[in-house]
Amino acid sequence: MNLLQRIESRDFSIAVFGLGYVGLPLAIEFAKAGIKTYGVDVDQVKVDKLRRGENYIQDLDDNVVRDAVEKGLLVADSNPSSIASADVIYVCVPTPFTPNKEPDISFIINASESIAEHLKPGQCIILKSTTFPSTTEDYVLPILQKSGLTLGVDYFLAFSPERIDPGNQVWHTGNTPIVVGGVTPECTKVAAAANRVIIEHVHEVSSPKVAEMEKLLENIFRSVNIALVNELAQLCDRMKVNIWEVVEAAATKPFGYMPFWPGPGIGGHCILIDPYYLSWLARSDDFVTNFVTLAAEVNESMPYYVRQMVLREIAHLPVTLKQARIIILGVAFKRDVDDLRHSPALKVMELLSEDGAENIGYIDPFIPELTLRGNHLEAIPYSEEVIASADIVVITTDHTLFDYEAIAKNAKLIVDTRNATKGVKGDRSKIRLLGGGA
């Protein structure tokens, strides 16, 4: 049987290169479907945990991960040679950017070179890492071609972007529709078939470039709309208008509008990074993505705005910034997740520290420890006494575990960047909302 026939009969195996927020959930879905799955990661700590049946991704069920390992359906390894045993290979490695906001696809290059060393006839490679259009064909394909095998006949190559939303209780790897585009029609057909083993809705497009650009559009759409309300939030602050009430009112329109909410900045991976991937690529075609770049800059400026909010409030207190006890409430990049990647809370803490604040602590049940400017910090256990002891409490992540009624009652002063205190009744004179209002 050829690879397509083996996939359709479920007589095949897969490998997942990169076992992070994208890769491990993907590997678990295939293992749950009874498909032999090899997980590869250069992080030996992750590999060792999986070999012991230990889960480290919040959205996955510990028992499901343990079961997949115990049944031998998921085998973790730090040696890329294990991919030689797989029929379909997914690449789910990080794609950060440099300090100069230029794409860093070194992880994709390294993974591709490892795959090329072990490439054999009958394999399909599917890149899932978010990247700029042309990566699959201009960077990955030339590396695989060194094998001497014929694309579309001996092996297959496609791009199928990840759609992961950490903490989402409804949409996950197994039920979220995906897009796939192969370098050749046969590549698309094989890659789509592999994805349909675990995902019902697979949308095929004409090329990897379309799929790569589609992924950027998804996230830049959010970036631009979030930037719009973030900029309006700063205007509303000056005008003494509550931006949260404005957005809520606009959301009553049943057509032509969807609500986006302001906040202390953009965190996670895609929404922060993708605009810069696109703007970098656009420059090679003598095109400047003014609109997209401006939106990214607005979003990145929000921690500076929050810093100014905090400084403005401390100026009215009987303590200096150096003396002030500042509690940062929530440091994960979004509500109810243990993901710290590019969290705006870290930038807010860093800026206040640079300004001279020496007594900054944080409370976050999802993030037990972190490093700030080279210093190791441990989370402060939540208590009403800790909240009451602070000169100012800054809510940067609105975890649902927090009792905002109690926080509002006990805190001396609150800067709320998420409208987490929306439900607080009674006296709100101690609350300062991002975007104006109380």
Protein backbone atom coordinates (compact mmCIF):
# COMPACT_ATOMS: atom_id res chain seq x y z
CA MET A 1 0.00 0.00 0.00
CA ASN A 2 1.11 3.57 -0.61
CA LEU A 3 1.11 6.16 2.17
CA LEU A 4 -2.34 7.56 1.37
CA GLN A 5 -3.85 4.08 1.51
CA ARG A 6 -2.07 3.34 4.78
CA ILE A 7 -3.38 6.57 6.31
CA GLU A 8 -6.92 5.82 5.20
CA SER A 9 -6.68 2.33 6.71
CA ARG A 10 -5.00 3.81 9.83
CA ASP A 11 -2.00 1.58 9.34
CA PHE A 12 0.64 4.26 9.83
CA SER A 13 2.68 6.04 12.49
CA ILE A 14 3.52 9.66 13.18
CA ALA A 15 6.28 11.70 14.77
CA VAL A 16 5.91 15.12 16.34
CA PHE A 17 9.03 17.30 16.36
CA GLY A 18 8.61 19.72 19.27
CA LEU A 19 6.51 18.78 22.32
CA GLY A 20 5.32 22.16 23.55
CA TYR A 21 1.89 23.82 23.63
CA VAL A 22 1.22 22.72 20.02
CA GLY A 23 3.14 19.50 19.63
CA LEU A 24 2.16 17.53 22.71
CA PRO A 25 -1.62 18.04 22.34
CA LEU A 26 -1.26 16.99 18.69
CA ALA A 27 0.70 13.88 19.66
CA ILE A 28 -1.88 12.98 22.30
CA GLU A 29 -4.76 13.25 19.80
CA PHE A 30 -3.07 10.74 17.50
CA ALA A 31 -2.23 8.44 20.41
CA LYS A 32 -5.87 8.59 21.55
CA ALA A 33 -6.85 7.54 18.02
CA GLY A 34 -4.67 4.45 18.38
CA ILE A 35 -1.89 5.71 16.10
CA LYS A 36 1.68 4.89 17.11
CA THR A 37 3.23 8.27 17.94
CA TYR A 38 6.85 9.29 18.43
CA GLY A 39 7.50 12.56 20.23
CA VAL A 40 10.83 14.31 19.70
CA ASP A 41 12.11 17.27 21.70
CA VAL A 42 15.58 18.62 22.42
CA ASP A 43 14.47 19.43 25.98
CA GLN A 44 15.50 16.36 27.94
CA VAL A 45 13.40 17.48 30.93
CA LYS A 46 10.21 17.24 28.84
CA VAL A 47 11.25 13.89 27.42
CA ASP A 48 12.01 12.45 30.87
CA LYS A 49 8.66 13.65 32.22
CA LEU A 50 6.76 12.03 29.36
CA ARG A 51 8.66 8.80 29.75
CA ARG A 52 7.40 8.75 33.33
CA GLY A 53 3.89 9.45 32.09
CA GLU A 54 3.91 12.97 33.53
CA ASN A 55 1.96 15.75 31.83
CA TYR A 56 3.24 19.35 31.71
CA ILE A 57 0.60 20.98 29.47
CA GLN A 58 -2.28 22.50 31.44
CA ASP A 59 -4.95 21.84 28.79
CA LEU A 60 -4.26 18.11 28.68
CA ASP A 61 -5.69 15.50 31.04
CA ASP A 62 -2.96 13.92 33.17
CA ASN A 63 -4.62 10.52 32.96
CA VAL A 64 -4.86 10.65 29.16
CA VAL A 65 -1.15 11.44 28.84
CA ARG A 66 -0.21 8.71 31.30
CA ASP A 67 -2.43 6.20 29.51
CA ALA A 68 -0.90 7.00 26.11
CA VAL A 69 2.61 6.44 27.48
CA GLU A 70 1.76 3.27 29.41
CA LYS A 71 0.12 1.72 26.35
CA GLY A 72 3.19 2.50 24.25
CA LEU A 73 1.21 4.71 21.88
CA LEU A 74 3.35 7.74 22.76
CA VAL A 75 7.11 7.29 22.88
CA ALA A 76 9.20 10.33 23.74
CA ASP A 77 12.83 10.78 22.72
CA SER A 78 15.41 13.54 22.44
CA ASN A 79 17.13 11.73 19.56
CA PRO A 80 15.75 12.82 16.15
CA SER A 81 16.61 9.42 14.71
CA SER A 82 13.27 8.13 15.99
CA ILE A 83 11.52 10.06 13.22
CA ALA A 84 12.89 7.51 10.76
CA SER A 85 10.26 5.10 12.11
CA ALA A 86 7.37 7.46 11.36
CA ASP A 87 5.29 7.81 8.22
CA VAL A 88 4.00 11.32 8.91
CA ILE A 89 6.20 13.91 10.62
CA TYR A 90 4.80 17.09 12.16
CA VAL A 91 7.13 20.00 12.89
CA CYS A 92 5.90 22.05 15.86
CA VAL A 93 8.97 24.01 16.93
CA PRO A 94 9.20 27.60 18.24
CA THR A 95 9.42 30.55 15.84
CA PRO A 96 10.52 33.59 17.90
CA PHE A 97 11.84 36.88 16.60
CA THR A 98 15.19 38.57 17.14
CA PRO A 99 15.71 41.71 19.26
CA ASN A 100 15.45 43.62 15.96
CA LYS A 101 11.98 42.16 15.33
CA GLU A 102 13.18 39.89 12.51
CA PRO A 103 12.00 36.26 12.17
CA ASP A 104 14.10 33.52 13.73
CA ILE A 105 13.35 30.27 11.92
CA SER A 106 16.49 28.52 13.14
CA PHE A 107 14.39 25.90 14.97
CA ILE A 108 12.58 25.09 11.72
CA ILE A 109 15.88 24.86 9.86
CA ASN A 110 17.41 22.58 12.48
CA ALA A 111 14.35 20.32 12.54
CA SER A 112 14.32 20.15 8.72
CA GLU A 113 17.97 19.17 8.64
CA SER A 114 17.36 16.42 11.18
CA ILE A 115 14.43 15.13 9.12
CA ALA A 116 16.48 15.24 5.91
CA GLU A 117 19.12 13.03 7.52
CA HIS A 118 16.52 10.33 8.13
CA LEU A 119 14.12 10.96 5.24
CA LYS A 120 12.96 7.82 3.44
CA PRO A 121 10.47 7.08 0.67
CA GLY A 122 6.84 7.16 1.77
CA GLN A 123 7.06 9.91 4.38
CA CYS A 124 5.00 13.09 4.70
CA ILE A 125 6.33 16.20 6.45
CA ILE A 126 3.82 18.76 7.77
CA LEU A 127 5.10 22.06 9.13
CA LYS A 128 2.80 23.58 11.77
CA SER A 129 5.02 26.27 13.28
CA THR A 130 3.69 29.77 12.62
CA THR A 131 5.97 31.48 10.13
CA PHE A 132 6.08 33.83 7.15
CA PRO A 133 4.81 32.89 3.66
CA SER A 134 7.39 30.99 1.56
CA THR A 135 9.09 29.30 4.53
CA THR A 136 7.90 25.82 3.52
CA GLU A 137 8.94 26.10 -0.11
CA ASP A 138 11.98 28.38 0.11
CA TYR A 139 13.60 27.07 3.29
CA VAL A 140 12.29 23.61 4.22
CA LEU A 141 11.96 22.14 0.72
CA PRO A 142 15.56 22.84 -0.40
CA ILE A 143 16.86 21.05 2.69
CA LEU A 144 14.70 17.98 2.04
CA GLN A 145 15.63 17.95 -1.64
CA LYS A 146 19.23 17.16 -0.68
CA SER A 147 18.00 13.64 0.03
CA GLY A 148 17.65 13.02 -3.69
CA LEU A 149 14.07 11.83 -3.27
CA THR A 150 11.31 13.12 -5.57
CA LEU A 151 8.74 15.45 -4.02
CA GLY A 152 5.13 14.38 -4.53
CA VAL A 153 6.19 10.86 -5.39
CA ASP A 154 8.72 9.63 -2.83
CA TYR A 155 7.82 12.08 -0.07
CA PHE A 156 5.28 14.81 0.62
CA LEU A 157 5.53 18.28 2.14
CA ALA A 158 2.78 20.61 3.38
CA PHE A 159 2.05 23.46 5.75
CA SER A 160 -0.87 23.24 8.19
CA PRO A 161 -0.84 26.04 10.79
CA GLU A 162 -1.55 25.40 14.43
CA ARG A 163 -4.68 26.78 16.05
CA ILE A 164 -4.05 26.54 19.76
CA ASP A 165 -5.80 28.73 22.31
CA PRO A 166 -4.38 27.94 25.79
CA GLY A 167 -7.08 27.73 28.43
CA ASN A 168 -9.97 27.43 25.96
CA GLN A 169 -12.46 24.97 27.41
CA VAL A 170 -14.42 24.54 24.16
CA TRP A 171 -11.98 24.48 21.25
CA HIS A 172 -8.93 22.23 21.31
CA THR A 173 -6.70 20.30 18.90
CA GLY A 174 -9.24 17.58 18.26
CA ASN A 175 -12.26 19.73 17.31
CA THR A 176 -10.79 22.93 15.85
CA PRO A 177 -11.00 23.11 12.02
CA ILE A 178 -7.62 23.48 10.33
CA VAL A 179 -6.14 24.52 7.00
CA VAL A 180 -3.61 22.57 4.94
CA GLY A 181 -1.70 23.44 1.80
CA GLY A 182 0.79 21.11 0.09
CA VAL A 183 3.64 21.95 -2.26
CA THR A 184 1.94 19.70 -4.86
CA PRO A 185 -1.68 18.54 -5.14
CA GLU A 186 -0.64 15.06 -4.04
CA CYS A 187 1.14 16.57 -1.02
CA THR A 188 -2.07 18.36 -0.05
CA LYS A 189 -4.11 15.18 -0.44
CA VAL A 190 -1.78 13.10 1.76
CA ALA A 191 -1.36 15.78 4.45
CA ALA A 192 -5.11 16.43 4.58
CA ALA A 193 -5.79 12.71 4.97
CA ALA A 194 -3.37 12.48 7.89
CA ASN A 195 -5.03 15.43 9.62
CA ARG A 196 -8.52 14.01 9.10
CA VAL A 197 -7.60 11.01 11.22
CA ILE A 198 -7.97 13.25 14.29
CA ILE A 199 -9.72 16.39 12.95
CA GLU A 200 -13.05 16.32 11.13
CA HIS A 201 -12.93 19.68 9.35
CA VAL A 202 -9.83 20.13 7.19
CA HIS A 203 -9.86 22.95 4.65
CA GLU A 204 -7.51 22.39 1.71
CA VAL A 205 -5.85 25.38 0.01
CA SER A 206 -3.79 25.62 -3.16
CA SER A 207 -0.33 26.07 -1.65
CA PRO A 208 1.72 26.37 1.53
CA LYS A 209 1.97 30.13 0.94
CA VAL A 210 -1.80 30.49 1.18
CA ALA A 211 -1.84 28.48 4.43
CA GLU A 212 1.11 30.45 5.83
CA MET A 213 -0.51 33.79 5.00
CA GLU A 214 -3.87 32.62 6.32
CA LYS A 215 -2.31 31.99 9.71
CA LEU A 216 -0.82 35.46 9.81
CA LEU A 217 -4.18 36.96 8.82
CA GLU A 218 -5.92 35.20 11.73
CA ASN A 219 -3.60 36.71 14.28
CA ILE A 220 -3.04 40.11 12.67
CA PHE A 221 -6.82 40.53 12.54
CA ARG A 222 -6.84 40.23 16.32
CA SER A 223 -3.76 42.40 16.73
CA VAL A 224 -5.26 45.26 14.72
CA ASN A 225 -8.61 45.18 16.50
CA ILE A 226 -7.05 44.95 19.94
CA ALA A 227 -4.80 47.88 19.04
CA LEU A 228 -7.86 49.89 18.05
CA VAL A 229 -9.50 49.50 21.45
CA ASN A 230 -6.17 49.95 23.24
CA GLU A 231 -5.68 53.30 21.56
CA LEU A 232 -9.28 54.30 22.26
CA ALA A 233 -8.76 53.25 25.89
CA GLN A 234 -6.00 55.82 26.25
CA LEU A 235 -8.19 58.47 24.66
CA CYS A 236 -11.11 57.54 26.90
CA ASP A 237 -8.84 57.87 29.92
CA ARG A 238 -8.21 61.52 29.01
CA MET A 239 -11.86 62.13 28.20
CA LYS A 240 -13.05 60.48 31.45
CA VAL A 241 -15.14 57.95 29.51
CA ASN A 242 -15.32 54.27 30.50
CA ILE A 243 -14.00 52.31 27.48
CA TRP A 244 -15.35 49.04 28.91
CA GLU A 245 -18.87 50.40 28.94
CA VAL A 246 -18.37 51.77 25.42
CA VAL A 247 -17.28 48.38 24.03
CA GLU A 248 -20.07 46.60 25.87
CA ALA A 249 -22.62 48.99 24.41
CA ALA A 250 -21.23 48.61 20.88
CA ALA A 251 -21.45 44.82 21.24
CA THR A 252 -25.24 45.04 21.37
CA LYS A 253 -25.19 45.61 17.59
CA PRO A 254 -26.06 42.21 16.06
CA PHE A 255 -24.20 42.73 12.77
CA GLY A 256 -21.04 44.37 11.45
CA TYR A 257 -19.26 44.41 14.81
CA MET A 258 -17.53 42.08 17.24
CA PRO A 259 -16.13 43.14 20.60
CA PHE A 260 -12.42 43.30 21.36
CA TRP A 261 -11.23 44.41 24.78
CA PRO A 262 -8.32 46.58 25.87
CA GLY A 263 -5.64 45.38 28.25
CA PRO A 264 -2.10 45.85 29.56
CA GLY A 265 -0.54 44.51 26.36
CA ILE A 266 -0.27 41.47 24.14
CA GLY A 267 1.18 38.19 25.39
CA GLY A 268 1.61 34.65 24.21
CA HIS A 269 3.27 33.92 20.90
CA CYS A 270 1.29 34.54 17.75
CA ILE A 271 -0.49 37.87 18.15
CA LEU A 272 2.65 39.58 19.39
CA ILE A 273 5.07 38.11 16.85
CA ASP A 274 3.10 37.57 13.64
CA PRO A 275 2.76 41.25 12.62
CA TYR A 276 6.54 41.57 12.62
CA TYR A 277 6.94 38.39 10.56
CA LEU A 278 4.68 39.87 7.91
CA SER A 279 6.23 43.34 7.96
CA TRP A 280 9.71 41.82 7.61
CA LEU A 281 8.64 39.78 4.59
CA ALA A 282 6.80 42.72 3.03
CA ARG A 283 9.99 44.77 2.94
CA SER A 284 11.54 42.26 0.54
CA ASP A 285 8.74 43.16 -1.90
CA ASP A 286 9.25 46.91 -1.38
CA PHE A 287 6.03 47.11 0.59
CA VAL A 288 5.54 48.71 3.97
CA THR A 289 2.76 47.33 6.17
CA ASN A 290 2.08 50.64 7.92
CA PHE A 291 -1.31 49.65 9.33
CA VAL A 292 -0.14 46.28 10.66
CA THR A 293 3.09 47.61 12.14
CA LEU A 294 1.36 50.54 13.81
CA ALA A 295 -1.11 48.18 15.47
CA ALA A 296 1.74 46.06 16.83
CA GLU A 297 3.43 49.18 18.18
CA VAL A 298 0.26 50.35 19.90
CA ASN A 299 -0.14 46.99 21.61
CA GLU A 300 3.50 46.92 22.69
CA SER A 301 3.12 50.40 24.17
CA MET A 302 0.38 49.36 26.61
CA PRO A 303 2.69 48.24 29.45
CA TYR A 304 4.18 51.76 29.32
CA TYR A 305 0.68 53.22 29.64
CA VAL A 306 0.00 50.95 32.64
CA ARG A 307 3.29 52.08 34.16
CA GLN A 308 2.13 55.67 33.84
CA MET A 309 -1.20 54.80 35.45
CA VAL A 310 0.60 53.29 38.45
CA LEU A 311 3.01 56.23 38.77
CA ARG A 312 0.12 58.68 38.56
CA GLU A 313 -1.67 56.96 41.45
CA ILE A 314 1.44 56.57 43.61
CA ALA A 315 2.08 60.30 43.22
CA HIS A 316 -1.05 60.87 45.32
CA LEU A 317 0.03 58.47 48.07
CA PRO A 318 2.02 59.34 51.21
CA VAL A 319 4.87 57.07 50.00
CA THR A 320 7.48 57.32 47.27
CA LEU A 321 7.75 54.82 44.42
CA LYS A 322 10.84 53.40 46.10
CA GLN A 323 8.91 52.85 49.35
CA ALA A 324 5.62 51.70 47.84
CA ARG A 325 4.59 48.08 48.26
CA ILE A 326 3.23 47.04 44.87
CA ILE A 327 1.36 43.77 44.35
CA ILE A 328 0.94 42.57 40.77
CA LEU A 329 -2.17 40.38 40.63
CA GLY A 330 -1.84 37.77 37.87
CA VAL A 331 1.25 37.49 35.65
CA ALA A 332 0.29 34.79 33.11
CA PHE A 333 -0.31 36.24 29.66
CA LYS A 334 -4.03 35.43 29.81
CA ARG A 335 -6.72 34.33 32.21
CA ASP A 336 -6.54 30.91 33.89
CA VAL A 337 -3.42 29.60 32.11
CA ASP A 338 0.08 28.80 33.30
CA ASP A 339 1.69 30.36 30.23
CA LEU A 340 4.12 33.21 30.91
CA ARG A 341 5.34 33.75 27.33
CA HIS A 342 5.73 37.48 26.57
CA SER A 343 3.31 38.35 29.36
CA PRO A 344 2.72 42.12 29.54
CA ALA A 345 2.74 41.83 33.34
CA LEU A 346 6.47 41.10 33.19
CA LYS A 347 7.06 44.28 31.20
CA VAL A 348 5.01 46.32 33.65
CA MET A 349 7.04 44.93 36.55
CA GLU A 350 10.28 45.56 34.70
CA LEU A 351 9.37 49.17 33.89
CA LEU A 352 8.35 49.95 37.47
CA SER A 353 11.55 48.37 38.72
CA GLU A 354 13.58 50.52 36.32
CA ASP A 355 11.76 53.58 37.64
CA GLY A 356 12.95 52.80 41.15
CA ALA A 357 10.28 50.53 42.66
CA GLU A 358 12.02 48.17 45.08
CA ASN A 359 9.09 46.39 46.69
CA ILE A 360 7.26 44.57 43.91
CA GLY A 361 5.67 41.20 44.52
CA TYR A 362 3.18 39.13 42.59
CA ILE A 363 0.31 36.74 43.23
CA ASP A 364 -0.53 34.10 40.64
CA PRO A 365 -1.65 30.55 41.47
CA PHE A 366 -0.62 29.40 37.98
CA ILE A 367 2.93 30.81 38.01
CA PRO A 368 4.81 29.69 41.14
CA GLU A 369 8.06 31.42 40.16
CA LEU A 370 9.60 33.67 37.54
CA THR A 371 12.76 35.58 36.68
CA LEU A 372 12.66 39.37 36.45
CA ARG A 373 15.75 41.28 35.33
CA GLY A 374 17.90 38.36 36.42
CA ASN A 375 16.24 38.09 39.82
CA HIS A 376 14.33 35.01 40.93
CA LEU A 377 10.88 35.75 42.33
CA GLU A 378 8.40 33.38 43.95
CA ALA A 379 4.67 33.95 43.99
CA ILE A 380 3.22 35.35 47.20
CA PRO A 381 0.38 33.20 48.57
CA TYR A 382 -2.91 35.06 48.32
CA SER A 383 -4.46 36.34 51.51
CA GLU A 384 -6.60 39.29 52.48
CA GLU A 385 -3.78 40.43 54.74
CA VAL A 386 -1.31 40.55 51.83
CA ILE A 387 -3.76 42.57 49.73
CA ALA A 388 -4.37 44.96 52.62
CA SER A 389 -0.63 45.43 53.18
CA ALA A 390 -0.04 46.72 49.64
CA ASP A 391 -0.03 50.41 48.83
CA ILE A 392 -1.35 49.57 45.37
CA VAL A 393 -2.65 46.39 43.72
CA VAL A 394 -2.26 46.16 39.93
CA ILE A 395 -4.53 43.61 38.25
CA THR A 396 -2.74 42.52 35.08
CA THR A 397 -4.34 39.09 34.60
CA ASP A 398 -7.96 38.44 35.56
CA HIS A 399 -7.82 34.87 36.82
CA THR A 400 -11.26 33.60 37.81
CA LEU A 401 -9.82 32.13 41.02
CA PHE A 402 -9.41 35.59 42.52
CA ASP A 403 -12.15 36.93 44.81
CA TYR A 404 -12.45 40.44 43.42
CA GLU A 405 -15.08 41.48 45.97
CA ALA A 406 -12.65 40.66 48.78
CA ILE A 407 -9.76 42.25 46.92
CA ALA A 408 -11.71 45.48 46.42
CA LYS A 409 -12.75 45.48 50.06
CA ASN A 410 -9.24 45.00 51.46
CA ALA A 411 -7.02 46.84 49.00
CA LYS A 412 -6.03 50.46 49.62
CA LEU A 413 -5.93 51.21 45.88
CA ILE A 414 -6.45 49.13 42.72
CA VAL A 415 -5.29 49.69 39.15
CA ASP A 416 -7.45 47.30 37.13
CA THR A 417 -6.19 46.72 33.57
CA ARG A 418 -8.70 43.95 32.75
CA ASN A 419 -12.00 45.23 34.17
CA ALA A 420 -11.79 42.27 36.54
CA THR A 421 -13.62 44.29 39.20
CA LYS A 422 -16.63 44.85 36.97
CA GLY A 423 -18.88 42.89 39.32
CA VAL A 424 -17.77 44.67 42.47
CA LYS A 425 -20.71 46.45 44.07
CA GLY A 426 -20.75 49.37 46.47
CA ASP A 427 -17.87 51.79 46.90
CA ARG A 428 -15.59 51.77 43.84
CA SER A 429 -13.64 54.88 44.75
CA LYS A 430 -10.43 52.83 45.26
CA ILE A 431 -10.58 51.35 41.72
CA ARG A 432 -8.84 52.90 38.71
CA LEU A 433 -9.75 51.24 35.41
CA LEU A 434 -7.51 51.14 32.39
CA GLY A 435 -9.29 53.30 29.84
CA GLY A 436 -11.04 55.55 32.34
CA GLY A 437 -13.86 54.96 34.78
CA ALA A 438 -14.12 53.16 38.08
